[in-house]
N, C-alpha and C. Protein backbone atom coordinates (compact mmCIF):
# COMPACT_ATOMS: atom_id res chain seq x y z
N MET A 1 -7.85 54.48 -86.99
CA MET A 1 -7.18 53.24 -87.40
C MET A 1 -8.22 52.13 -87.53
N THR A 2 -8.17 51.40 -88.61
CA THR A 2 -9.14 50.34 -88.83
C THR A 2 -8.86 49.17 -87.90
N ALA A 3 -9.88 48.31 -87.73
CA ALA A 3 -9.72 47.14 -86.87
C ALA A 3 -8.62 46.23 -87.39
N MET A 4 -8.53 46.12 -88.73
CA MET A 4 -7.50 45.26 -89.32
C MET A 4 -6.11 45.79 -89.01
N ALA A 5 -5.95 47.11 -89.10
CA ALA A 5 -4.65 47.71 -88.81
C ALA A 5 -4.29 47.57 -87.34
N MET A 6 -5.29 47.69 -86.46
CA MET A 6 -5.04 47.55 -85.02
C MET A 6 -4.60 46.13 -84.69
N THR A 7 -5.15 45.15 -85.40
CA THR A 7 -4.78 43.77 -85.17
C THR A 7 -3.38 43.48 -85.71
N ALA A 8 -3.08 44.09 -86.86
CA ALA A 8 -1.78 43.84 -87.49
C ALA A 8 -0.63 44.41 -86.68
N ALA A 9 -0.85 45.55 -86.01
CA ALA A 9 0.22 46.20 -85.26
C ALA A 9 0.76 45.32 -84.12
N PRO A 10 -0.11 44.78 -83.25
CA PRO A 10 0.40 43.88 -82.20
C PRO A 10 1.06 42.63 -82.77
N ARG A 11 0.53 42.10 -83.87
CA ARG A 11 1.10 40.92 -84.49
C ARG A 11 2.52 41.22 -84.98
N ALA A 12 2.70 42.38 -85.59
CA ALA A 12 4.01 42.77 -86.09
C ALA A 12 5.00 42.94 -84.94
N GLU A 13 4.52 43.49 -83.83
CA GLU A 13 5.38 43.67 -82.67
C GLU A 13 5.80 42.34 -82.08
N ARG A 14 4.86 41.39 -82.01
CA ARG A 14 5.19 40.06 -81.50
C ARG A 14 6.22 39.38 -82.41
N THR A 15 6.03 39.55 -83.72
CA THR A 15 6.97 38.96 -84.67
C THR A 15 8.36 39.55 -84.51
N ARG A 16 8.43 40.85 -84.31
CA ARG A 16 9.71 41.52 -84.13
C ARG A 16 10.40 41.03 -82.87
N LYS A 17 9.64 40.91 -81.78
CA LYS A 17 10.23 40.45 -80.53
C LYS A 17 10.72 39.01 -80.65
N ALA A 18 9.95 38.18 -81.34
CA ALA A 18 10.37 36.79 -81.54
C ALA A 18 11.66 36.74 -82.35
N THR A 19 11.75 37.59 -83.38
CA THR A 19 12.97 37.65 -84.18
C THR A 19 14.14 38.14 -83.34
N ASP A 20 13.91 39.14 -82.51
CA ASP A 20 14.96 39.66 -81.63
C ASP A 20 15.49 38.56 -80.71
N ARG A 21 14.58 37.75 -80.17
CA ARG A 21 15.01 36.67 -79.27
C ARG A 21 15.86 35.64 -80.01
N LYS A 22 15.46 35.32 -81.24
CA LYS A 22 16.23 34.37 -82.04
C LYS A 22 17.64 34.90 -82.31
N LEU A 23 17.72 36.18 -82.65
CA LEU A 23 19.02 36.78 -82.95
C LEU A 23 19.89 36.82 -81.70
N MET A 24 19.29 37.17 -80.56
CA MET A 24 20.05 37.24 -79.33
C MET A 24 20.60 35.87 -78.94
N LYS A 25 19.74 34.87 -79.00
CA LYS A 25 20.16 33.53 -78.60
C LYS A 25 21.26 33.01 -79.52
N ALA A 26 21.09 33.19 -80.82
CA ALA A 26 22.10 32.72 -81.77
C ALA A 26 23.42 33.45 -81.58
N THR A 27 23.35 34.76 -81.38
CA THR A 27 24.58 35.54 -81.20
C THR A 27 25.32 35.12 -79.95
N LEU A 28 24.61 34.94 -78.87
CA LEU A 28 25.26 34.51 -77.62
C LEU A 28 25.87 33.12 -77.76
N GLN A 29 25.16 32.22 -78.42
CA GLN A 29 25.69 30.88 -78.61
C GLN A 29 27.00 30.91 -79.39
N ILE A 30 27.01 31.69 -80.45
CA ILE A 30 28.22 31.79 -81.27
C ILE A 30 29.35 32.43 -80.48
N ALA A 31 29.04 33.50 -79.75
CA ALA A 31 30.07 34.20 -78.97
C ALA A 31 30.67 33.30 -77.91
N VAL A 32 29.83 32.48 -77.27
CA VAL A 32 30.32 31.56 -76.24
C VAL A 32 31.20 30.47 -76.85
N GLU A 33 30.75 29.93 -77.98
CA GLU A 33 31.45 28.80 -78.60
C GLU A 33 32.71 29.20 -79.36
N ARG A 34 32.64 30.34 -80.04
CA ARG A 34 33.71 30.71 -80.97
C ARG A 34 34.43 32.00 -80.59
N GLY A 35 33.90 32.71 -79.60
CA GLY A 35 34.45 34.01 -79.28
C GLY A 35 33.77 35.10 -80.10
N ILE A 36 34.01 36.35 -79.72
CA ILE A 36 33.35 37.47 -80.38
C ILE A 36 33.68 37.52 -81.87
N SER A 37 34.92 37.19 -82.21
CA SER A 37 35.33 37.26 -83.62
C SER A 37 34.58 36.26 -84.49
N GLY A 38 33.98 35.25 -83.87
CA GLY A 38 33.24 34.25 -84.62
C GLY A 38 31.83 34.67 -84.97
N VAL A 39 31.38 35.81 -84.44
CA VAL A 39 30.03 36.28 -84.71
C VAL A 39 30.01 37.02 -86.05
N THR A 40 29.35 36.44 -87.01
CA THR A 40 29.15 37.08 -88.32
C THR A 40 27.66 37.06 -88.64
N ILE A 41 27.26 37.95 -89.52
CA ILE A 41 25.85 38.00 -89.91
C ILE A 41 25.45 36.68 -90.55
N GLU A 42 26.34 36.11 -91.35
CA GLU A 42 26.03 34.85 -92.02
C GLU A 42 25.79 33.73 -91.01
N GLU A 43 26.66 33.64 -89.97
CA GLU A 43 26.52 32.57 -88.99
C GLU A 43 25.30 32.80 -88.11
N VAL A 44 25.03 34.05 -87.76
CA VAL A 44 23.84 34.36 -86.97
C VAL A 44 22.58 33.99 -87.76
N ALA A 45 22.58 34.28 -89.04
CA ALA A 45 21.43 33.92 -89.87
C ALA A 45 21.24 32.41 -89.91
N ARG A 46 22.34 31.69 -90.05
CA ARG A 46 22.26 30.23 -90.12
C ARG A 46 21.74 29.65 -88.82
N ARG A 47 22.26 30.15 -87.69
CA ARG A 47 21.86 29.60 -86.39
C ARG A 47 20.42 30.00 -86.02
N SER A 48 20.06 31.21 -86.33
CA SER A 48 18.76 31.73 -85.88
C SER A 48 17.61 31.38 -86.81
N GLY A 49 17.94 31.11 -88.07
CA GLY A 49 16.88 30.90 -89.05
C GLY A 49 16.28 32.18 -89.58
N VAL A 50 16.86 33.32 -89.18
CA VAL A 50 16.40 34.63 -89.67
C VAL A 50 17.18 34.98 -90.94
N ALA A 51 16.49 35.41 -91.96
CA ALA A 51 17.13 35.71 -93.23
C ALA A 51 18.17 36.82 -93.09
N LYS A 52 19.26 36.70 -93.84
CA LYS A 52 20.30 37.72 -93.79
C LYS A 52 19.75 39.09 -94.17
N THR A 53 18.84 39.11 -95.13
CA THR A 53 18.28 40.40 -95.56
C THR A 53 17.54 41.08 -94.41
N THR A 54 16.86 40.27 -93.58
CA THR A 54 16.15 40.82 -92.42
C THR A 54 17.14 41.39 -91.41
N ILE A 55 18.23 40.65 -91.16
CA ILE A 55 19.23 41.11 -90.20
C ILE A 55 19.89 42.39 -90.69
N TYR A 56 20.24 42.44 -91.98
CA TYR A 56 20.91 43.62 -92.53
C TYR A 56 19.99 44.84 -92.56
N ARG A 57 18.68 44.63 -92.57
CA ARG A 57 17.78 45.78 -92.49
C ARG A 57 17.86 46.44 -91.12
N ARG A 58 18.29 45.67 -90.12
CA ARG A 58 18.37 46.20 -88.75
C ARG A 58 19.78 46.60 -88.36
N TYR A 59 20.75 45.84 -88.84
CA TYR A 59 22.14 46.07 -88.42
C TYR A 59 23.06 46.09 -89.64
N HIS A 60 23.97 47.05 -89.67
CA HIS A 60 24.89 47.16 -90.79
C HIS A 60 25.93 46.06 -90.80
N ASN A 61 26.32 45.60 -89.60
CA ASN A 61 27.36 44.57 -89.52
C ASN A 61 27.23 43.85 -88.18
N ALA A 62 28.11 42.87 -87.96
CA ALA A 62 28.05 42.07 -86.74
C ALA A 62 28.37 42.90 -85.50
N ASN A 63 29.27 43.86 -85.62
CA ASN A 63 29.61 44.70 -84.47
C ASN A 63 28.41 45.50 -83.98
N GLU A 64 27.62 46.00 -84.91
CA GLU A 64 26.42 46.74 -84.53
C GLU A 64 25.41 45.81 -83.87
N LEU A 65 25.30 44.59 -84.35
CA LEU A 65 24.42 43.60 -83.75
C LEU A 65 24.87 43.29 -82.32
N LEU A 66 26.17 43.10 -82.12
CA LEU A 66 26.69 42.82 -80.79
C LEU A 66 26.44 43.97 -79.83
N ARG A 67 26.66 45.18 -80.29
CA ARG A 67 26.44 46.35 -79.43
C ARG A 67 24.98 46.47 -79.02
N GLU A 68 24.09 46.23 -79.97
CA GLU A 68 22.65 46.35 -79.68
C GLU A 68 22.20 45.31 -78.67
N ILE A 69 22.66 44.09 -78.84
CA ILE A 69 22.28 43.02 -77.91
C ILE A 69 22.84 43.32 -76.53
N SER A 70 24.08 43.72 -76.48
CA SER A 70 24.72 44.01 -75.20
C SER A 70 24.03 45.15 -74.48
N ALA A 71 23.60 46.16 -75.22
CA ALA A 71 23.04 47.36 -74.62
C ALA A 71 21.56 47.24 -74.28
N ARG A 72 20.86 46.35 -74.98
CA ARG A 72 19.40 46.38 -74.87
C ARG A 72 18.74 45.12 -74.35
N TYR A 73 19.05 43.98 -74.92
CA TYR A 73 18.21 42.82 -74.72
C TYR A 73 18.46 42.04 -73.45
N LEU A 74 19.57 42.32 -72.76
CA LEU A 74 19.85 41.54 -71.56
C LEU A 74 19.69 42.32 -70.28
N VAL A 75 19.09 43.49 -70.33
CA VAL A 75 18.84 44.23 -69.11
C VAL A 75 17.79 43.49 -68.29
N SER A 76 18.09 43.28 -67.00
CA SER A 76 17.20 42.45 -66.20
C SER A 76 15.95 43.18 -65.72
N ASN A 77 16.00 44.54 -65.75
CA ASN A 77 14.84 45.32 -65.35
C ASN A 77 14.38 45.02 -63.93
N GLU A 78 15.32 44.69 -63.07
CA GLU A 78 14.97 44.48 -61.68
C GLU A 78 14.61 45.81 -61.01
N ASP A 79 13.48 45.86 -60.36
CA ASP A 79 13.05 47.07 -59.66
C ASP A 79 13.50 46.98 -58.22
N THR A 80 14.47 47.84 -57.86
CA THR A 80 15.00 47.81 -56.50
C THR A 80 14.46 48.98 -55.67
N SER A 81 13.43 49.64 -56.15
CA SER A 81 12.93 50.81 -55.44
C SER A 81 12.35 50.45 -54.08
N GLU A 82 11.80 49.26 -53.95
CA GLU A 82 11.25 48.83 -52.67
C GLU A 82 11.47 47.33 -52.52
N ALA A 83 12.22 46.98 -51.48
CA ALA A 83 12.52 45.56 -51.26
C ALA A 83 11.29 44.85 -50.73
N PRO A 84 11.06 43.61 -51.15
CA PRO A 84 9.93 42.84 -50.60
C PRO A 84 10.17 42.54 -49.14
N SER A 85 9.12 42.29 -48.41
CA SER A 85 9.27 41.95 -46.99
C SER A 85 10.06 40.66 -46.86
N PRO A 86 10.88 40.54 -45.82
CA PRO A 86 11.80 39.40 -45.68
C PRO A 86 11.11 38.13 -45.20
N THR A 87 10.36 37.52 -46.08
CA THR A 87 9.69 36.26 -45.76
C THR A 87 10.24 35.16 -46.65
N ARG A 88 10.04 33.93 -46.22
CA ARG A 88 10.48 32.78 -47.01
C ARG A 88 9.82 32.78 -48.38
N GLU A 89 8.54 33.10 -48.42
CA GLU A 89 7.80 33.12 -49.67
C GLU A 89 8.38 34.14 -50.64
N HIS A 90 8.72 35.32 -50.12
CA HIS A 90 9.27 36.36 -50.99
C HIS A 90 10.67 36.00 -51.47
N PHE A 91 11.44 35.30 -50.66
CA PHE A 91 12.76 34.86 -51.10
C PHE A 91 12.62 33.87 -52.25
N MET A 92 11.68 32.95 -52.11
CA MET A 92 11.45 31.98 -53.17
C MET A 92 10.96 32.69 -54.44
N GLN A 93 10.16 33.74 -54.28
CA GLN A 93 9.69 34.50 -55.43
C GLN A 93 10.84 35.20 -56.14
N LEU A 94 11.83 35.68 -55.37
CA LEU A 94 13.01 36.28 -55.99
C LEU A 94 13.74 35.27 -56.87
N LEU A 95 13.87 34.06 -56.37
CA LEU A 95 14.52 33.01 -57.15
C LEU A 95 13.71 32.68 -58.40
N GLN A 96 12.40 32.66 -58.27
CA GLN A 96 11.55 32.38 -59.42
C GLN A 96 11.65 33.49 -60.45
N ARG A 97 11.79 34.73 -59.99
CA ARG A 97 11.95 35.85 -60.92
C ARG A 97 13.23 35.71 -61.73
N LEU A 98 14.28 35.17 -61.09
CA LEU A 98 15.52 34.93 -61.82
C LEU A 98 15.29 33.89 -62.91
N VAL A 99 14.59 32.82 -62.57
CA VAL A 99 14.26 31.80 -63.55
C VAL A 99 13.41 32.39 -64.67
N ASP A 100 12.43 33.19 -64.31
CA ASP A 100 11.55 33.80 -65.31
C ASP A 100 12.34 34.71 -66.25
N TRP A 101 13.32 35.43 -65.68
CA TRP A 101 14.15 36.31 -66.52
C TRP A 101 14.98 35.49 -67.50
N VAL A 102 15.55 34.39 -67.02
CA VAL A 102 16.33 33.51 -67.89
C VAL A 102 15.45 32.98 -69.02
N ASN A 103 14.24 32.55 -68.67
CA ASN A 103 13.33 32.01 -69.68
C ASN A 103 12.87 33.09 -70.66
N ALA A 104 12.58 34.29 -70.15
CA ALA A 104 12.09 35.38 -71.00
C ALA A 104 13.13 35.78 -72.04
N ASN A 105 14.41 35.69 -71.65
CA ASN A 105 15.48 36.06 -72.57
C ASN A 105 16.01 34.86 -73.35
N ASP A 106 15.39 33.68 -73.11
CA ASP A 106 15.75 32.47 -73.85
C ASP A 106 17.25 32.19 -73.75
N ILE A 107 17.77 32.28 -72.51
CA ILE A 107 19.20 32.12 -72.27
C ILE A 107 19.53 30.65 -72.02
N ASP A 108 20.60 30.19 -72.65
CA ASP A 108 21.11 28.86 -72.38
C ASP A 108 21.87 28.93 -71.06
N ILE A 109 21.27 28.43 -70.01
CA ILE A 109 21.84 28.60 -68.67
C ILE A 109 23.20 27.94 -68.54
N LYS A 110 23.47 26.92 -69.36
CA LYS A 110 24.77 26.25 -69.29
C LYS A 110 25.91 27.16 -69.75
N SER A 111 25.58 28.22 -70.46
CA SER A 111 26.59 29.15 -70.94
C SER A 111 26.88 30.28 -69.96
N VAL A 112 26.10 30.36 -68.89
CA VAL A 112 26.23 31.48 -67.97
C VAL A 112 27.62 31.53 -67.34
N GLY A 113 28.15 30.39 -66.96
CA GLY A 113 29.47 30.36 -66.34
C GLY A 113 30.54 30.93 -67.25
N ILE A 114 30.46 30.60 -68.54
CA ILE A 114 31.41 31.13 -69.51
C ILE A 114 31.27 32.63 -69.64
N VAL A 115 30.04 33.10 -69.68
CA VAL A 115 29.79 34.53 -69.80
C VAL A 115 30.34 35.28 -68.58
N LEU A 116 30.08 34.76 -67.39
CA LEU A 116 30.50 35.43 -66.16
C LEU A 116 32.02 35.47 -66.01
N SER A 117 32.71 34.46 -66.51
CA SER A 117 34.15 34.39 -66.32
C SER A 117 34.95 35.02 -67.46
N SER A 118 34.27 35.38 -68.55
CA SER A 118 34.96 35.94 -69.70
C SER A 118 35.42 37.37 -69.43
N GLU A 119 36.58 37.73 -70.00
CA GLU A 119 37.09 39.08 -69.88
C GLU A 119 36.75 39.93 -71.10
N ALA A 120 36.06 39.35 -72.07
CA ALA A 120 35.69 40.10 -73.27
C ALA A 120 34.73 41.23 -72.90
N GLU A 121 34.93 42.39 -73.51
CA GLU A 121 34.13 43.56 -73.18
C GLU A 121 32.64 43.31 -73.41
N PHE A 122 32.31 42.60 -74.47
CA PHE A 122 30.92 42.30 -74.77
C PHE A 122 30.25 41.58 -73.62
N PHE A 123 30.91 40.54 -73.10
CA PHE A 123 30.34 39.78 -72.00
C PHE A 123 30.37 40.57 -70.70
N GLN A 124 31.43 41.34 -70.48
CA GLN A 124 31.52 42.11 -69.25
C GLN A 124 30.40 43.14 -69.16
N HIS A 125 30.04 43.72 -70.29
CA HIS A 125 28.94 44.69 -70.29
C HIS A 125 27.63 44.01 -69.92
N ILE A 126 27.43 42.81 -70.44
CA ILE A 126 26.23 42.05 -70.10
C ILE A 126 26.21 41.73 -68.62
N VAL A 127 27.36 41.27 -68.09
CA VAL A 127 27.44 40.93 -66.68
C VAL A 127 27.09 42.13 -65.81
N THR A 128 27.62 43.30 -66.18
CA THR A 128 27.33 44.51 -65.41
C THR A 128 25.85 44.82 -65.41
N GLN A 129 25.22 44.69 -66.58
CA GLN A 129 23.79 44.98 -66.67
C GLN A 129 22.95 44.01 -65.85
N VAL A 130 23.37 42.77 -65.81
CA VAL A 130 22.57 41.74 -65.15
C VAL A 130 22.86 41.68 -63.66
N VAL A 131 24.15 41.65 -63.31
CA VAL A 131 24.53 41.42 -61.93
C VAL A 131 24.20 42.61 -61.03
N THR A 132 24.48 43.83 -61.50
CA THR A 132 24.30 45.00 -60.64
C THR A 132 22.86 45.15 -60.13
N PRO A 133 21.84 45.06 -61.00
CA PRO A 133 20.47 45.17 -60.48
C PRO A 133 20.11 44.05 -59.50
N TRP A 134 20.57 42.82 -59.77
CA TRP A 134 20.24 41.73 -58.86
C TRP A 134 20.94 41.90 -57.52
N LEU A 135 22.16 42.44 -57.53
CA LEU A 135 22.85 42.72 -56.27
C LEU A 135 22.07 43.77 -55.47
N GLY A 136 21.56 44.77 -56.17
CA GLY A 136 20.76 45.79 -55.49
C GLY A 136 19.52 45.21 -54.85
N THR A 137 18.87 44.31 -55.57
CA THR A 137 17.66 43.67 -55.05
C THR A 137 17.97 42.85 -53.80
N LEU A 138 19.01 42.04 -53.87
CA LEU A 138 19.36 41.20 -52.73
C LEU A 138 19.82 42.03 -51.54
N LYS A 139 20.62 43.06 -51.79
CA LYS A 139 21.11 43.90 -50.70
C LYS A 139 19.94 44.55 -49.96
N ALA A 140 18.99 45.10 -50.73
CA ALA A 140 17.83 45.74 -50.10
C ALA A 140 17.00 44.73 -49.32
N PHE A 141 16.85 43.54 -49.88
CA PHE A 141 16.09 42.47 -49.22
C PHE A 141 16.76 42.06 -47.91
N LEU A 142 18.07 41.87 -47.94
CA LEU A 142 18.80 41.47 -46.74
C LEU A 142 18.80 42.57 -45.68
N GLU A 143 18.99 43.81 -46.12
CA GLU A 143 19.02 44.91 -45.16
C GLU A 143 17.67 45.07 -44.47
N ARG A 144 16.61 44.88 -45.21
CA ARG A 144 15.28 44.98 -44.60
C ARG A 144 15.07 43.84 -43.60
N GLY A 145 15.57 42.67 -43.95
CA GLY A 145 15.46 41.54 -43.03
C GLY A 145 16.26 41.73 -41.76
N VAL A 146 17.45 42.30 -41.89
CA VAL A 146 18.28 42.58 -40.70
C VAL A 146 17.59 43.61 -39.83
N ALA A 147 17.05 44.66 -40.44
CA ALA A 147 16.38 45.73 -39.69
C ALA A 147 15.18 45.20 -38.92
N GLN A 148 14.51 44.18 -39.47
CA GLN A 148 13.33 43.62 -38.81
C GLN A 148 13.68 42.44 -37.90
N GLY A 149 14.95 42.13 -37.80
CA GLY A 149 15.37 41.04 -36.93
C GLY A 149 15.13 39.65 -37.49
N VAL A 150 14.85 39.57 -38.79
CA VAL A 150 14.59 38.27 -39.42
C VAL A 150 15.89 37.61 -39.84
N PHE A 151 16.81 38.40 -40.41
CA PHE A 151 18.09 37.88 -40.89
C PHE A 151 19.22 38.26 -39.94
N ARG A 152 20.23 37.42 -39.92
CA ARG A 152 21.42 37.72 -39.11
C ARG A 152 22.26 38.79 -39.81
N ARG A 153 23.07 39.47 -39.05
CA ARG A 153 23.93 40.50 -39.61
C ARG A 153 25.13 39.88 -40.32
N GLY A 154 25.73 40.66 -41.20
CA GLY A 154 26.95 40.24 -41.86
C GLY A 154 26.74 39.40 -43.10
N LEU A 155 25.52 39.31 -43.60
CA LEU A 155 25.27 38.54 -44.83
C LEU A 155 25.84 39.27 -46.04
N ASP A 156 26.44 38.53 -46.92
CA ASP A 156 27.12 39.08 -48.09
C ASP A 156 26.26 38.86 -49.33
N GLU A 157 25.71 39.95 -49.89
CA GLU A 157 24.82 39.80 -51.05
C GLU A 157 25.57 39.28 -52.27
N ARG A 158 26.86 39.57 -52.39
CA ARG A 158 27.63 39.08 -53.54
C ARG A 158 27.81 37.56 -53.45
N LEU A 159 28.15 37.08 -52.27
CA LEU A 159 28.30 35.64 -52.09
C LEU A 159 26.96 34.94 -52.29
N LEU A 160 25.90 35.55 -51.80
CA LEU A 160 24.57 34.95 -51.94
C LEU A 160 24.19 34.86 -53.41
N LEU A 161 24.42 35.94 -54.18
CA LEU A 161 24.08 35.91 -55.60
C LEU A 161 24.94 34.89 -56.34
N SER A 162 26.22 34.81 -55.99
CA SER A 162 27.10 33.82 -56.61
C SER A 162 26.59 32.41 -56.34
N THR A 163 26.14 32.18 -55.12
CA THR A 163 25.61 30.87 -54.75
C THR A 163 24.34 30.55 -55.53
N ILE A 164 23.48 31.54 -55.68
CA ILE A 164 22.22 31.35 -56.40
C ILE A 164 22.47 31.03 -57.87
N ILE A 165 23.31 31.85 -58.52
CA ILE A 165 23.58 31.64 -59.94
C ILE A 165 24.30 30.32 -60.16
N GLY A 166 25.29 30.03 -59.30
CA GLY A 166 26.01 28.76 -59.42
C GLY A 166 25.10 27.57 -59.25
N SER A 167 24.16 27.69 -58.33
CA SER A 167 23.21 26.61 -58.10
C SER A 167 22.32 26.39 -59.32
N LEU A 168 21.86 27.48 -59.94
CA LEU A 168 20.98 27.35 -61.11
C LEU A 168 21.72 26.69 -62.27
N VAL A 169 22.97 27.10 -62.48
CA VAL A 169 23.77 26.51 -63.56
C VAL A 169 23.98 25.02 -63.31
N ALA A 170 24.39 24.69 -62.06
CA ALA A 170 24.67 23.29 -61.72
C ALA A 170 23.40 22.45 -61.77
N TYR A 171 22.30 23.00 -61.30
CA TYR A 171 21.02 22.27 -61.29
C TYR A 171 20.62 21.90 -62.71
N GLU A 172 20.77 22.87 -63.62
CA GLU A 172 20.41 22.62 -65.01
C GLU A 172 21.28 21.52 -65.61
N ALA A 173 22.59 21.56 -65.31
CA ALA A 173 23.50 20.58 -65.88
C ALA A 173 23.25 19.19 -65.31
N ILE A 174 23.11 19.11 -64.00
CA ILE A 174 22.94 17.81 -63.35
C ILE A 174 21.59 17.20 -63.67
N GLU A 175 20.53 18.00 -63.57
CA GLU A 175 19.20 17.49 -63.86
C GLU A 175 19.06 17.12 -65.34
N GLY A 176 19.73 17.90 -66.21
CA GLY A 176 19.68 17.60 -67.64
C GLY A 176 20.30 16.25 -67.94
N GLN A 177 21.41 15.92 -67.28
CA GLN A 177 22.04 14.63 -67.48
C GLN A 177 21.19 13.50 -66.93
N ALA A 178 20.51 13.78 -65.81
CA ALA A 178 19.73 12.73 -65.14
C ALA A 178 18.46 12.39 -65.90
N THR A 179 17.85 13.41 -66.53
CA THR A 179 16.54 13.19 -67.14
C THR A 179 16.57 13.25 -68.66
N GLY A 180 17.71 13.62 -69.24
CA GLY A 180 17.81 13.66 -70.70
C GLY A 180 17.48 15.01 -71.26
N ALA A 181 17.82 15.18 -72.53
CA ALA A 181 17.66 16.49 -73.17
C ALA A 181 16.20 16.87 -73.35
N ALA A 182 15.30 15.89 -73.26
CA ALA A 182 13.89 16.19 -73.50
C ALA A 182 13.23 16.89 -72.33
N ARG A 183 13.96 17.01 -71.20
CA ARG A 183 13.35 17.65 -70.04
C ARG A 183 13.02 19.10 -70.35
N ALA A 184 11.81 19.50 -69.97
CA ALA A 184 11.41 20.88 -70.21
C ALA A 184 12.25 21.81 -69.35
N THR A 185 12.73 22.92 -69.94
CA THR A 185 13.54 23.87 -69.20
C THR A 185 12.78 25.13 -68.85
N SER A 186 11.51 25.20 -69.19
CA SER A 186 10.77 26.43 -68.99
C SER A 186 10.57 26.77 -67.52
N SER A 187 10.56 25.79 -66.65
CA SER A 187 10.33 26.06 -65.24
C SER A 187 11.54 25.76 -64.38
N HIS A 188 12.57 25.10 -64.94
CA HIS A 188 13.73 24.66 -64.19
C HIS A 188 13.29 23.86 -62.96
N GLY A 189 12.27 23.05 -63.18
CA GLY A 189 11.83 22.14 -62.13
C GLY A 189 11.40 22.86 -60.87
N ASP A 190 11.75 22.26 -59.73
CA ASP A 190 11.38 22.85 -58.45
C ASP A 190 12.59 23.52 -57.81
N TRP A 191 13.52 24.00 -58.64
CA TRP A 191 14.74 24.62 -58.14
C TRP A 191 14.49 25.77 -57.16
N PRO A 192 13.60 26.73 -57.44
CA PRO A 192 13.40 27.83 -56.48
C PRO A 192 13.02 27.34 -55.08
N GLU A 193 12.11 26.38 -55.02
CA GLU A 193 11.67 25.89 -53.71
C GLU A 193 12.78 25.11 -53.01
N ARG A 194 13.49 24.29 -53.76
CA ARG A 194 14.54 23.47 -53.15
C ARG A 194 15.71 24.32 -52.67
N LEU A 195 16.06 25.34 -53.43
CA LEU A 195 17.16 26.20 -52.99
C LEU A 195 16.72 27.06 -51.80
N THR A 196 15.47 27.46 -51.79
CA THR A 196 14.95 28.20 -50.63
C THR A 196 15.05 27.34 -49.37
N ASP A 197 14.67 26.07 -49.47
CA ASP A 197 14.78 25.17 -48.33
C ASP A 197 16.22 25.09 -47.82
N LEU A 198 17.17 25.15 -48.74
CA LEU A 198 18.57 25.03 -48.38
C LEU A 198 19.13 26.32 -47.77
N LEU A 199 18.79 27.45 -48.38
CA LEU A 199 19.42 28.71 -47.98
C LEU A 199 18.69 29.46 -46.88
N TRP A 200 17.38 29.32 -46.79
CA TRP A 200 16.62 30.13 -45.85
C TRP A 200 17.11 29.98 -44.41
N PRO A 201 17.38 28.76 -43.92
CA PRO A 201 17.86 28.65 -42.53
C PRO A 201 19.19 29.38 -42.31
N ALA A 202 20.03 29.46 -43.35
CA ALA A 202 21.32 30.13 -43.21
C ALA A 202 21.18 31.64 -43.14
N LEU A 203 20.08 32.19 -43.61
CA LEU A 203 19.86 33.63 -43.57
C LEU A 203 19.29 34.11 -42.26
N GLN A 204 18.59 33.25 -41.58
CA GLN A 204 17.83 33.68 -40.40
C GLN A 204 18.70 34.03 -39.22
N ALA A 205 18.19 34.98 -38.42
CA ALA A 205 18.91 35.42 -37.22
C ALA A 205 18.87 34.34 -36.15
């Protein structure tokens, strides 16, 4: 393979991933605002800025686009094979990983509440993909902490995850109103550290 071809291949992959992110974000926005029936190739093209011809080369119709996004692009890829040691620093890192995942998928955090509460199959599939791995991560983390005498017994990983997600949604909404739309959302401020300060004492034995 020539040097030019080797350079072109990564560039093409980056372009494809960028297009995928645009399509995912636009589709989710439309689904949240208008419902699943409001998702059309024409509207996705308008919102995303991706040409209809490009979208149709990948998907035959809106239903196929919805299935692909639901099945592929929102998997959190949380590795629960080994829980991190139960330290304050590692808990804060877990929160930061959640923020990084939101940023990597270019998710409008203000829409999360709508997604979580929706009964639509499309959203429920996304919730299952996202919530289940994070529950596994938290459960393993808490169990390791209890075994080492760091955390108290009886901690509920579902309640903890609900608290974490609710806090992130509320933080984004409240801070956005306080500082204006121009506030950068790439880091979500100091939310991981501030929430760690709040929750860590409640976890300890």
